[in-house]
Amino acid sequence: MIKPNSTIYLASSSPQRVALLKQIGIIFEQVNVDVPEVLGANEACDDYICRLAVDKAQAAMVGRVDSDAVFIGADTVILIKGQILEKPTDELDARNMLLQLSGKTHNVKTAVAVCNNKNCEVIVQSNQVVMGKIDNHDITAYWQTGEPHNKAGAYGIQGIGAQFITHIEGSYSGIMGLPIYETVQLLKHFGVKCL
């Protein structure tokens, strides 16, 4: 395990983001934050996810006085034909999302923000994902596994949903919700030694 020279806080309840940071051996504390994910009127996709990533990192800062602390926030969305797909509200919403993605290429965008008490930097990482054809029976069975309930676009590439994906172009960790390369580069900008 890597003991960074600063305390690192991950502002996320996502088990995938936790696993990805652990995968590269960084020691951190997880902070669950409550930031409303509401798209503003005429807000562009990249602006939206950057705002949410920064808001999450800054929400984790509240009440913490460690001047060397570094906070990571992230947000992931699916973008298809200009439409943003977030987490489904129910089974019907998930079904509509998955039928939209079926047999098509979509974009998975993740914004990562790293902040301290003086500065905040954010980057957007983008990936192309091709989903094979799926039918209503597949969707019903998949919904019943519980996996799509809290996933952007109603699927998880790191789990059962991988069986629907025919091709990816980009960062696997970015599609999961925390692009490791970009996150490490941002942490280095804040003086965090990751190796």
N, C-alpha and C. Protein backbone atom coordinates (compact mmCIF):
# COMPACT_ATOMS: atom_id res chain seq x y z
N MET A 1 0.84 -1.19 0.00
CA MET A 1 0.00 0.00 0.00
C MET A 1 0.88 1.25 0.00
N ILE A 2 0.38 2.28 -0.67
CA ILE A 2 1.10 3.54 -0.75
C ILE A 2 0.53 4.50 0.29
N LYS A 3 1.38 4.97 1.19
CA LYS A 3 0.95 5.96 2.17
C LYS A 3 1.32 7.33 1.61
N PRO A 4 0.32 8.06 1.04
CA PRO A 4 0.64 9.36 0.46
C PRO A 4 1.11 10.35 1.52
N ASN A 5 1.78 11.40 1.06
CA ASN A 5 2.26 12.43 1.97
C ASN A 5 1.14 13.35 2.41
N SER A 6 -0.05 13.23 1.84
CA SER A 6 -1.22 13.99 2.25
C SER A 6 -2.35 13.01 2.53
N THR A 7 -3.28 13.41 3.41
CA THR A 7 -4.48 12.59 3.61
C THR A 7 -5.36 12.75 2.39
N ILE A 8 -5.81 11.64 1.84
CA ILE A 8 -6.67 11.66 0.66
C ILE A 8 -8.07 11.22 1.06
N TYR A 9 -9.05 11.99 0.61
CA TYR A 9 -10.45 11.65 0.83
C TYR A 9 -11.11 11.41 -0.52
N LEU A 10 -11.84 10.30 -0.63
CA LEU A 10 -12.62 10.01 -1.82
C LEU A 10 -14.07 10.33 -1.52
N ALA A 11 -14.62 11.33 -2.20
CA ALA A 11 -16.00 11.76 -1.98
C ALA A 11 -16.94 10.94 -2.85
N SER A 12 -17.16 9.69 -2.46
CA SER A 12 -17.98 8.80 -3.27
C SER A 12 -18.44 7.60 -2.45
N SER A 13 -19.66 7.16 -2.73
CA SER A 13 -20.15 5.92 -2.12
C SER A 13 -20.00 4.75 -3.10
N SER A 14 -19.41 5.01 -4.26
CA SER A 14 -19.28 3.99 -5.30
C SER A 14 -18.26 2.92 -4.93
N PRO A 15 -18.69 1.66 -4.86
CA PRO A 15 -17.73 0.59 -4.59
C PRO A 15 -16.71 0.43 -5.71
N GLN A 16 -17.08 0.81 -6.95
CA GLN A 16 -16.14 0.71 -8.06
C GLN A 16 -15.00 1.72 -7.89
N ARG A 17 -15.33 2.94 -7.49
CA ARG A 17 -14.28 3.95 -7.30
C ARG A 17 -13.37 3.56 -6.14
N VAL A 18 -13.95 3.03 -5.10
CA VAL A 18 -13.15 2.55 -3.96
C VAL A 18 -12.20 1.46 -4.43
N ALA A 19 -12.72 0.49 -5.18
CA ALA A 19 -11.90 -0.63 -5.66
C ALA A 19 -10.77 -0.15 -6.57
N LEU A 20 -11.05 0.83 -7.42
CA LEU A 20 -10.03 1.32 -8.34
C LEU A 20 -8.89 2.01 -7.61
N LEU A 21 -9.20 2.82 -6.61
CA LEU A 21 -8.12 3.46 -5.84
C LEU A 21 -7.33 2.42 -5.05
N LYS A 22 -8.03 1.44 -4.51
CA LYS A 22 -7.34 0.37 -3.78
C LYS A 22 -6.45 -0.44 -4.71
N GLN A 23 -6.92 -0.62 -5.96
CA GLN A 23 -6.17 -1.40 -6.95
C GLN A 23 -4.77 -0.85 -7.15
N ILE A 24 -4.62 0.46 -7.09
CA ILE A 24 -3.29 1.04 -7.29
C ILE A 24 -2.60 1.34 -5.95
N GLY A 25 -3.19 0.83 -4.88
CA GLY A 25 -2.51 0.85 -3.59
C GLY A 25 -2.53 2.16 -2.82
N ILE A 26 -3.41 3.08 -3.19
CA ILE A 26 -3.46 4.37 -2.47
C ILE A 26 -4.29 4.22 -1.20
N ILE A 27 -3.77 4.72 -0.11
CA ILE A 27 -4.50 4.75 1.15
C ILE A 27 -5.33 6.02 1.18
N PHE A 28 -6.62 5.87 1.48
CA PHE A 28 -7.53 7.01 1.47
C PHE A 28 -8.68 6.74 2.44
N GLU A 29 -9.43 7.78 2.71
CA GLU A 29 -10.65 7.66 3.51
C GLU A 29 -11.82 7.95 2.60
N GLN A 30 -12.87 7.16 2.74
CA GLN A 30 -14.07 7.34 1.94
C GLN A 30 -15.04 8.25 2.68
N VAL A 31 -15.62 9.21 1.96
CA VAL A 31 -16.60 10.12 2.53
C VAL A 31 -17.85 10.06 1.66
N ASN A 32 -18.98 9.73 2.25
CA ASN A 32 -20.23 9.74 1.50
C ASN A 32 -20.80 11.16 1.53
N VAL A 33 -21.06 11.72 0.37
CA VAL A 33 -21.59 13.08 0.28
C VAL A 33 -22.94 13.04 -0.42
N ASP A 34 -23.74 14.04 -0.16
CA ASP A 34 -25.07 14.13 -0.76
C ASP A 34 -25.11 15.38 -1.63
N VAL A 35 -24.83 15.20 -2.92
CA VAL A 35 -24.85 16.31 -3.87
C VAL A 35 -25.94 16.01 -4.89
N PRO A 36 -26.95 16.90 -5.00
CA PRO A 36 -28.03 16.67 -5.97
C PRO A 36 -27.47 16.63 -7.40
N GLU A 37 -27.87 15.61 -8.15
CA GLU A 37 -27.41 15.47 -9.54
C GLU A 37 -28.53 15.95 -10.45
N VAL A 38 -28.57 17.27 -10.63
CA VAL A 38 -29.63 17.89 -11.42
C VAL A 38 -28.99 18.73 -12.52
N LEU A 39 -29.31 18.37 -13.76
CA LEU A 39 -28.78 19.09 -14.91
C LEU A 39 -29.40 20.47 -14.98
N GLY A 40 -28.56 21.51 -15.09
CA GLY A 40 -29.05 22.87 -15.20
C GLY A 40 -29.61 23.14 -16.59
N ALA A 41 -30.46 24.14 -16.69
CA ALA A 41 -31.04 24.53 -17.98
C ALA A 41 -29.91 24.93 -18.92
N ASN A 42 -29.90 24.32 -20.11
CA ASN A 42 -28.89 24.61 -21.14
C ASN A 42 -27.46 24.30 -20.71
N GLU A 43 -27.29 23.46 -19.67
CA GLU A 43 -25.94 23.10 -19.21
C GLU A 43 -25.38 21.99 -20.09
N ALA A 44 -24.19 22.22 -20.65
CA ALA A 44 -23.54 21.21 -21.49
C ALA A 44 -23.09 20.03 -20.63
N CYS A 45 -22.99 18.87 -21.26
CA CYS A 45 -22.65 17.63 -20.54
C CYS A 45 -21.34 17.78 -19.76
N ASP A 46 -20.26 18.22 -20.42
CA ASP A 46 -18.97 18.34 -19.74
C ASP A 46 -19.03 19.33 -18.58
N ASP A 47 -19.73 20.45 -18.77
CA ASP A 47 -19.88 21.43 -17.69
C ASP A 47 -20.61 20.82 -16.50
N TYR A 48 -21.63 20.05 -16.81
CA TYR A 48 -22.46 19.41 -15.78
C TYR A 48 -21.64 18.43 -14.93
N ILE A 49 -20.93 17.51 -15.59
CA ILE A 49 -20.20 16.51 -14.80
C ILE A 49 -18.99 17.13 -14.09
N CYS A 50 -18.40 18.16 -14.68
CA CYS A 50 -17.31 18.86 -13.98
C CYS A 50 -17.84 19.54 -12.73
N ARG A 51 -18.99 20.19 -12.86
CA ARG A 51 -19.60 20.86 -11.69
C ARG A 51 -19.89 19.85 -10.58
N LEU A 52 -20.45 18.70 -10.95
CA LEU A 52 -20.78 17.70 -9.94
C LEU A 52 -19.53 17.13 -9.28
N ALA A 53 -18.49 16.87 -10.07
CA ALA A 53 -17.25 16.33 -9.51
C ALA A 53 -16.65 17.32 -8.50
N VAL A 54 -16.62 18.60 -8.87
CA VAL A 54 -16.09 19.62 -7.96
C VAL A 54 -16.98 19.76 -6.73
N ASP A 55 -18.29 19.79 -6.94
CA ASP A 55 -19.22 19.91 -5.80
C ASP A 55 -19.06 18.77 -4.81
N LYS A 56 -18.85 17.55 -5.33
CA LYS A 56 -18.67 16.39 -4.44
C LYS A 56 -17.37 16.51 -3.65
N ALA A 57 -16.28 16.88 -4.33
CA ALA A 57 -15.00 17.05 -3.62
C ALA A 57 -15.12 18.13 -2.56
N GLN A 58 -15.76 19.25 -2.90
CA GLN A 58 -15.89 20.35 -1.95
C GLN A 58 -16.84 20.01 -0.80
N ALA A 59 -17.86 19.21 -1.07
CA ALA A 59 -18.76 18.77 0.00
C ALA A 59 -18.01 17.92 1.03
N ALA A 60 -17.04 17.14 0.56
CA ALA A 60 -16.25 16.30 1.48
C ALA A 60 -15.31 17.14 2.34
N MET A 61 -15.01 18.36 1.89
CA MET A 61 -14.10 19.23 2.62
C MET A 61 -14.76 19.85 3.87
N VAL A 62 -16.08 19.91 3.87
CA VAL A 62 -16.79 20.59 4.95
C VAL A 62 -16.46 19.96 6.30
N GLY A 63 -16.01 20.80 7.22
CA GLY A 63 -15.71 20.35 8.59
C GLY A 63 -14.35 19.73 8.78
N ARG A 64 -13.56 19.63 7.71
CA ARG A 64 -12.23 19.06 7.84
C ARG A 64 -11.20 20.19 7.80
N VAL A 65 -10.29 20.19 8.77
CA VAL A 65 -9.36 21.31 8.93
C VAL A 65 -7.92 20.96 8.54
N ASP A 66 -7.69 19.74 8.09
CA ASP A 66 -6.34 19.31 7.68
C ASP A 66 -5.92 20.10 6.44
N SER A 67 -4.98 21.00 6.58
CA SER A 67 -4.59 21.87 5.46
C SER A 67 -3.87 21.13 4.35
N ASP A 68 -3.35 19.93 4.62
CA ASP A 68 -2.67 19.14 3.59
C ASP A 68 -3.59 18.14 2.89
N ALA A 69 -4.84 18.08 3.33
CA ALA A 69 -5.76 17.08 2.79
C ALA A 69 -6.09 17.36 1.32
N VAL A 70 -6.30 16.26 0.59
CA VAL A 70 -6.67 16.32 -0.83
C VAL A 70 -7.97 15.53 -0.99
N PHE A 71 -8.88 16.09 -1.79
CA PHE A 71 -10.22 15.51 -1.94
C PHE A 71 -10.47 15.17 -3.40
N ILE A 72 -11.00 13.96 -3.64
CA ILE A 72 -11.30 13.50 -4.99
C ILE A 72 -12.82 13.39 -5.13
N GLY A 73 -13.35 14.02 -6.17
CA GLY A 73 -14.75 13.87 -6.53
C GLY A 73 -14.85 13.40 -7.96
N ALA A 74 -15.91 12.70 -8.30
CA ALA A 74 -16.07 12.21 -9.68
C ALA A 74 -17.54 12.07 -10.02
N ASP A 75 -17.82 12.16 -11.30
CA ASP A 75 -19.18 11.92 -11.78
C ASP A 75 -19.10 11.30 -13.17
N THR A 76 -19.98 10.33 -13.43
CA THR A 76 -19.99 9.61 -14.70
C THR A 76 -21.38 9.66 -15.31
N VAL A 77 -21.44 9.90 -16.61
CA VAL A 77 -22.71 9.83 -17.34
C VAL A 77 -22.49 9.10 -18.66
N ILE A 78 -23.60 8.65 -19.21
CA ILE A 78 -23.64 8.07 -20.55
C ILE A 78 -24.23 9.15 -21.46
N LEU A 79 -23.64 9.28 -22.63
CA LEU A 79 -24.14 10.25 -23.61
C LEU A 79 -24.41 9.52 -24.91
N ILE A 80 -25.66 9.60 -25.38
CA ILE A 80 -26.01 8.98 -26.66
C ILE A 80 -26.89 9.95 -27.43
N LYS A 81 -26.44 10.28 -28.64
CA LYS A 81 -27.18 11.20 -29.52
C LYS A 81 -27.54 12.49 -28.78
N GLY A 82 -26.59 13.00 -28.00
CA GLY A 82 -26.80 14.26 -27.31
C GLY A 82 -27.61 14.16 -26.03
N GLN A 83 -28.10 12.97 -25.70
CA GLN A 83 -28.91 12.81 -24.48
C GLN A 83 -28.07 12.20 -23.37
N ILE A 84 -28.18 12.79 -22.19
CA ILE A 84 -27.46 12.30 -21.02
C ILE A 84 -28.30 11.24 -20.31
N LEU A 85 -27.68 10.09 -20.06
CA LEU A 85 -28.33 9.03 -19.29
C LEU A 85 -27.60 8.91 -17.96
N GLU A 86 -28.35 9.04 -16.87
CA GLU A 86 -27.75 8.89 -15.55
C GLU A 86 -28.24 7.58 -14.94
N LYS A 87 -28.42 7.54 -13.63
CA LYS A 87 -28.91 6.33 -12.98
C LYS A 87 -30.42 6.21 -13.21
N PRO A 88 -30.90 5.00 -13.47
CA PRO A 88 -32.34 4.84 -13.71
C PRO A 88 -33.15 5.05 -12.44
N THR A 89 -34.35 5.60 -12.61
CA THR A 89 -35.23 5.82 -11.45
C THR A 89 -36.02 4.57 -11.10
N ASP A 90 -36.25 3.71 -12.09
CA ASP A 90 -37.01 2.48 -11.86
C ASP A 90 -36.76 1.52 -13.02
N GLU A 91 -37.45 0.38 -13.01
CA GLU A 91 -37.22 -0.63 -14.04
C GLU A 91 -37.58 -0.12 -15.43
N LEU A 92 -38.68 0.61 -15.55
CA LEU A 92 -39.08 1.13 -16.85
C LEU A 92 -38.03 2.09 -17.40
N ASP A 93 -37.51 2.95 -16.54
CA ASP A 93 -36.46 3.89 -16.94
C ASP A 93 -35.22 3.13 -17.41
N ALA A 94 -34.84 2.09 -16.66
CA ALA A 94 -33.68 1.27 -17.04
C ALA A 94 -33.92 0.58 -18.37
N ARG A 95 -35.12 0.06 -18.56
CA ARG A 95 -35.47 -0.63 -19.82
C ARG A 95 -35.34 0.34 -21.00
N ASN A 96 -35.88 1.55 -20.83
CA ASN A 96 -35.80 2.54 -21.91
C ASN A 96 -34.35 2.90 -22.24
N MET A 97 -33.53 3.04 -21.19
CA MET A 97 -32.11 3.35 -21.41
C MET A 97 -31.42 2.23 -22.18
N LEU A 98 -31.60 1.01 -21.71
CA LEU A 98 -30.90 -0.12 -22.33
C LEU A 98 -31.37 -0.36 -23.76
N LEU A 99 -32.66 -0.14 -24.04
CA LEU A 99 -33.13 -0.27 -25.42
C LEU A 99 -32.55 0.83 -26.31
N GLN A 100 -32.34 2.01 -25.73
CA GLN A 100 -31.69 3.10 -26.47
C GLN A 100 -30.25 2.75 -26.83
N LEU A 101 -29.56 2.08 -25.90
CA LEU A 101 -28.14 1.74 -26.09
C LEU A 101 -27.95 0.48 -26.94
N SER A 102 -28.97 -0.37 -27.00
CA SER A 102 -28.88 -1.66 -27.69
C SER A 102 -28.44 -1.51 -29.15
N GLY A 103 -27.34 -2.20 -29.49
CA GLY A 103 -26.85 -2.22 -30.86
C GLY A 103 -26.19 -0.94 -31.32
N LYS A 104 -25.89 -0.04 -30.38
CA LYS A 104 -25.34 1.26 -30.77
C LYS A 104 -24.05 1.58 -30.01
N THR A 105 -23.37 2.61 -30.52
CA THR A 105 -22.18 3.15 -29.85
C THR A 105 -22.61 4.34 -28.99
N HIS A 106 -22.11 4.37 -27.76
CA HIS A 106 -22.39 5.51 -26.90
C HIS A 106 -21.09 5.99 -26.26
N ASN A 107 -21.17 7.13 -25.64
CA ASN A 107 -20.02 7.75 -25.01
C ASN A 107 -20.18 7.65 -23.49
N VAL A 108 -19.12 7.26 -22.79
CA VAL A 108 -19.11 7.28 -21.33
C VAL A 108 -18.12 8.36 -20.91
N LYS A 109 -18.63 9.35 -20.18
CA LYS A 109 -17.80 10.48 -19.77
C LYS A 109 -17.70 10.50 -18.24
N THR A 110 -16.48 10.64 -17.76
CA THR A 110 -16.25 10.78 -16.32
C THR A 110 -15.43 12.03 -16.07
N ALA A 111 -15.92 12.86 -15.18
CA ALA A 111 -15.15 14.02 -14.71
C ALA A 111 -14.55 13.67 -13.37
N VAL A 112 -13.28 14.00 -13.19
CA VAL A 112 -12.59 13.81 -11.91
C VAL A 112 -12.10 15.18 -11.45
N ALA A 113 -12.40 15.49 -10.20
CA ALA A 113 -11.91 16.73 -9.59
C ALA A 113 -11.02 16.38 -8.41
N VAL A 114 -9.90 17.08 -8.31
CA VAL A 114 -9.03 16.96 -7.14
C VAL A 114 -8.89 18.36 -6.56
N CYS A 115 -9.17 18.47 -5.27
CA CYS A 115 -9.19 19.79 -4.61
C CYS A 115 -8.44 19.74 -3.29
N ASN A 116 -7.92 20.88 -2.89
CA ASN A 116 -7.46 21.09 -1.52
C ASN A 116 -8.04 22.42 -1.05
N ASN A 117 -7.55 22.94 0.07
CA ASN A 117 -8.16 24.16 0.59
C ASN A 117 -7.77 25.42 -0.18
N LYS A 118 -6.92 25.27 -1.21
CA LYS A 118 -6.49 26.43 -2.00
C LYS A 118 -6.89 26.37 -3.46
N ASN A 119 -7.05 25.15 -3.99
CA ASN A 119 -7.18 25.01 -5.43
C ASN A 119 -8.04 23.80 -5.77
N CYS A 120 -8.55 23.80 -7.01
CA CYS A 120 -9.32 22.66 -7.50
C CYS A 120 -9.03 22.49 -8.99
N GLU A 121 -8.73 21.28 -9.40
CA GLU A 121 -8.52 20.98 -10.81
C GLU A 121 -9.45 19.85 -11.22
N VAL A 122 -9.96 19.94 -12.44
CA VAL A 122 -10.90 18.93 -12.92
C VAL A 122 -10.57 18.58 -14.36
N ILE A 123 -10.81 17.33 -14.70
CA ILE A 123 -10.55 16.85 -16.06
C ILE A 123 -11.69 15.93 -16.47
N VAL A 124 -12.03 15.93 -17.76
CA VAL A 124 -13.05 15.03 -18.30
C VAL A 124 -12.36 13.97 -19.14
N GLN A 125 -12.71 12.72 -18.89
CA GLN A 125 -12.17 11.59 -19.64
C GLN A 125 -13.33 10.95 -20.39
N SER A 126 -13.13 10.66 -21.68
CA SER A 126 -14.22 10.22 -22.54
C SER A 126 -13.88 8.89 -23.22
N ASN A 127 -14.88 8.03 -23.36
CA ASN A 127 -14.70 6.70 -23.94
C ASN A 127 -15.85 6.36 -24.87
N GLN A 128 -15.56 5.54 -25.86
CA GLN A 128 -16.60 5.02 -26.76
C GLN A 128 -16.87 3.57 -26.38
N VAL A 129 -18.15 3.24 -26.25
CA VAL A 129 -18.55 1.88 -25.89
C VAL A 129 -19.60 1.41 -26.89
N VAL A 130 -19.42 0.20 -27.38
CA VAL A 130 -20.40 -0.40 -28.31
C VAL A 130 -21.15 -1.49 -27.56
N MET A 131 -22.47 -1.38 -27.55
CA MET A 131 -23.30 -2.40 -26.91
C MET A 131 -23.94 -3.27 -27.99
N GLY A 132 -23.91 -4.57 -27.79
CA GLY A 132 -24.57 -5.48 -28.72
C GLY A 132 -26.08 -5.37 -28.57
N LYS A 133 -26.79 -6.07 -29.43
CA LYS A 133 -28.25 -6.07 -29.37
C LYS A 133 -28.72 -6.81 -28.12
N ILE A 134 -29.63 -6.18 -27.40
CA ILE A 134 -30.24 -6.85 -26.24
C ILE A 134 -31.75 -6.74 -26.37
N ASP A 135 -32.46 -7.74 -25.84
CA ASP A 135 -33.91 -7.74 -25.97
C ASP A 135 -34.57 -7.55 -24.61
N ASN A 136 -35.88 -7.49 -24.62
CA ASN A 136 -36.64 -7.25 -23.40
C ASN A 136 -36.42 -8.35 -22.36
N HIS A 137 -36.28 -9.58 -22.81
CA HIS A 137 -36.04 -10.68 -21.87
C HIS A 137 -34.70 -10.47 -21.14
N ASP A 138 -33.65 -10.14 -21.91
CA ASP A 138 -32.34 -9.88 -21.31
C ASP A 138 -32.42 -8.74 -20.29
N ILE A 139 -33.15 -7.69 -20.66
CA ILE A 139 -33.25 -6.52 -19.79
C ILE A 139 -33.96 -6.88 -18.49
N THR A 140 -35.06 -7.63 -18.58
CA THR A 140 -35.80 -8.03 -17.37
C THR A 140 -34.90 -8.87 -16.47
N ALA A 141 -34.22 -9.84 -17.05
CA ALA A 141 -33.33 -10.70 -16.25
C ALA A 141 -32.20 -9.88 -15.63
N TYR A 142 -31.67 -8.95 -16.40
CA TYR A 142 -30.56 -8.11 -15.89
C TYR A 142 -31.04 -7.21 -14.76
N TRP A 143 -32.20 -6.61 -14.91
CA TRP A 143 -32.75 -5.74 -13.86
C TRP A 143 -32.89 -6.53 -12.56
N GLN A 144 -33.33 -7.76 -12.66
CA GLN A 144 -33.57 -8.59 -11.48
C GLN A 144 -32.28 -8.94 -10.73
N THR A 145 -31.13 -8.78 -11.37
CA THR A 145 -29.86 -9.03 -10.66
C THR A 145 -29.55 -7.89 -9.67
N GLY A 146 -30.19 -6.73 -9.86
CA GLY A 146 -29.93 -5.59 -8.99
C GLY A 146 -28.80 -4.70 -9.47
N GLU A 147 -28.01 -5.16 -10.41
CA GLU A 147 -26.84 -4.39 -10.84
C GLU A 147 -27.18 -3.05 -11.51
N PRO A 148 -28.21 -2.96 -12.35
CA PRO A 148 -28.44 -1.70 -13.06
C PRO A 148 -28.99 -0.57 -12.19
N HIS A 149 -29.45 -0.87 -10.99
CA HIS A 149 -30.20 0.09 -10.17
C HIS A 149 -29.46 1.41 -9.94
N ASN A 150 -28.16 1.37 -9.72
CA ASN A 150 -27.44 2.61 -9.38
C ASN A 150 -26.29 2.88 -10.35
N LYS A 151 -26.48 2.48 -11.61
CA LYS A 151 -25.43 2.65 -12.62
C LYS A 151 -25.89 3.64 -13.69
N ALA A 152 -25.00 4.55 -14.07
CA ALA A 152 -25.30 5.45 -15.18
C ALA A 152 -25.57 4.61 -16.43
N GLY A 153 -26.66 4.92 -17.12
CA GLY A 153 -27.01 4.16 -18.31
C GLY A 153 -27.60 2.80 -18.02
N ALA A 154 -27.79 2.48 -16.74
CA ALA A 154 -28.42 1.23 -16.28
C ALA A 154 -27.60 -0.03 -16.56
N TYR A 155 -26.26 0.13 -16.65
CA TYR A 155 -25.44 -1.08 -16.76
C TYR A 155 -24.07 -0.84 -16.12
N GLY A 156 -23.45 -1.94 -15.70
CA GLY A 156 -22.11 -1.89 -15.15
C GLY A 156 -21.17 -2.76 -15.97
N ILE A 157 -20.16 -2.15 -16.56
CA ILE A 157 -19.24 -2.90 -17.42
C ILE A 157 -18.36 -3.84 -16.60
N GLN A 158 -18.17 -3.54 -15.31
CA GLN A 158 -17.30 -4.36 -14.48
C GLN A 158 -18.03 -5.57 -13.90
N GLY A 159 -19.32 -5.69 -14.20
CA GLY A 159 -20.11 -6.79 -13.65
C GLY A 159 -20.80 -7.60 -14.73
N ILE A 160 -22.04 -7.97 -14.43
CA ILE A 160 -22.84 -8.81 -15.34
C ILE A 160 -23.05 -8.10 -16.67
N GLY A 161 -23.14 -6.77 -16.63
CA GLY A 161 -23.39 -5.99 -17.84
C GLY A 161 -22.31 -6.13 -18.89
N ALA A 162 -21.15 -6.65 -18.51
CA ALA A 162 -20.05 -6.84 -19.48
C ALA A 162 -20.46 -7.74 -20.64
N GLN A 163 -21.43 -8.63 -20.41
CA GLN A 163 -21.84 -9.56 -21.46
C GLN A 163 -22.54 -8.85 -22.63
N PHE A 164 -22.94 -7.59 -22.44
CA PHE A 164 -23.62 -6.85 -23.50
C PHE A 164 -22.66 -6.00 -24.34
N ILE A 165 -21.41 -5.86 -23.88
CA ILE A 165 -20.48 -4.92 -24.50
C ILE A 165 -19.60 -5.64 -25.52
N THR A 166 -19.61 -5.16 -26.76
CA THR A 166 -18.83 -5.80 -27.81
C THR A 166 -17.47 -5.14 -28.03
N HIS A 167 -17.37 -3.85 -27.69
CA HIS A 167 -16.12 -3.13 -27.98
C HIS A 167 -16.04 -1.87 -27.13
N ILE A 168 -14.82 -1.56 -26.66
CA ILE A 168 -14.61 -0.27 -26.00
C ILE A 168 -13.39 0.40 -26.61
N GLU A 169 -13.41 1.72 -26.59
CA GLU A 169 -12.27 2.49 -27.03
C GLU A 169 -12.03 3.55 -25.96
N GLY A 170 -10.93 3.41 -25.23
CA GLY A 170 -10.64 4.35 -24.16
C GLY A 170 -10.16 3.65 -22.91
N SER A 171 -10.56 4.17 -21.77
CA SER A 171 -10.09 3.71 -20.48
C SER A 171 -11.15 2.86 -19.77
N TYR A 172 -10.79 1.61 -19.50
CA TYR A 172 -11.73 0.73 -18.78
C TYR A 172 -12.07 1.31 -17.42
N SER A 173 -11.05 1.82 -16.70
CA SER A 173 -11.32 2.40 -15.38
C SER A 173 -12.17 3.66 -15.49
N GLY A 174 -12.01 4.40 -16.61
CA GLY A 174 -12.85 5.57 -16.84
C GLY A 174 -14.31 5.18 -17.02
N ILE A 175 -14.55 4.09 -17.72
CA ILE A 175 -15.91 3.60 -17.92
C ILE A 175 -16.49 3.14 -16.59
N MET A 176 -15.66 2.58 -15.73
CA MET A 176 -16.11 2.16 -14.40
C MET A 176 -16.43 3.34 -13.49
N GLY A 177 -15.84 4.52 -13.77
CA GLY A 177 -16.19 5.69 -12.98
C GLY A 177 -15.05 6.45 -12.35
N LEU A 178 -13.80 5.99 -12.55
CA LEU A 178 -12.64 6.74 -12.04
C LEU A 178 -11.43 6.42 -12.90
N PRO A 179 -11.17 7.25 -13.93
CA PRO A 179 -10.03 6.97 -14.79
C PRO A 179 -8.72 7.09 -14.01
N ILE A 180 -8.04 5.99 -13.85
CA ILE A 180 -6.87 5.94 -12.97
C ILE A 180 -5.74 6.84 -13.46
N TYR A 181 -5.41 6.79 -14.74
CA TYR A 181 -4.29 7.60 -15.23
C TYR A 181 -4.53 9.07 -14.93
N GLU A 182 -5.69 9.58 -15.31
CA GLU A 182 -6.00 11.00 -15.11
C GLU A 182 -6.05 11.36 -13.63
N THR A 183 -6.58 10.47 -12.82
CA THR A 183 -6.66 10.73 -11.37
C THR A 183 -5.26 10.86 -10.77
N VAL A 184 -4.38 9.95 -11.15
CA VAL A 184 -3.01 10.00 -10.63
C VAL A 184 -2.30 11.27 -11.09
N GLN A 185 -2.51 11.65 -12.35
CA GLN A 185 -1.87 12.89 -12.84
C GLN A 185 -2.35 14.10 -12.05
N LEU A 186 -3.65 14.17 -11.78
CA LEU A 186 -4.18 15.28 -10.97
C LEU A 186 -3.60 15.26 -9.56
N LEU A 187 -3.52 14.08 -8.96
CA LEU A 187 -2.96 13.98 -7.61
C LEU A 187 -1.51 14.46 -7.58
N LYS A 188 -0.77 14.15 -8.64
CA LYS A 188 0.63 14.62 -8.71
C LYS A 188 0.69 16.15 -8.75
N HIS A 189 -0.28 16.79 -9.42
CA HIS A 189 -0.32 18.26 -9.46
C HIS A 189 -0.47 18.84 -8.06
N PHE A 190 -1.05 18.04 -7.16
CA PHE A 190 -1.25 18.49 -5.78
C PHE A 190 -0.15 17.98 -4.85
N GLY A 191 0.94 17.49 -5.45
CA GLY A 191 2.07 17.05 -4.67
C GLY A 191 1.92 15.70 -4.00
N VAL A 192 0.91 14.93 -4.43
CA VAL A 192 0.71 13.61 -3.84
C VAL A 192 1.58 12.60 -4.57
N LYS A 193 2.44 11.90 -3.81
CA LYS A 193 3.29 10.86 -4.39
C LYS A 193 2.50 9.57 -4.44
N CYS A 194 2.30 9.06 -5.64
CA CYS A 194 1.50 7.84 -5.81
C CYS A 194 2.37 6.59 -5.95
N LEU A 195 3.69 6.73 -6.05
CA LEU A 195 4.58 5.58 -6.09
C LEU A 195 5.77 5.85 -5.18
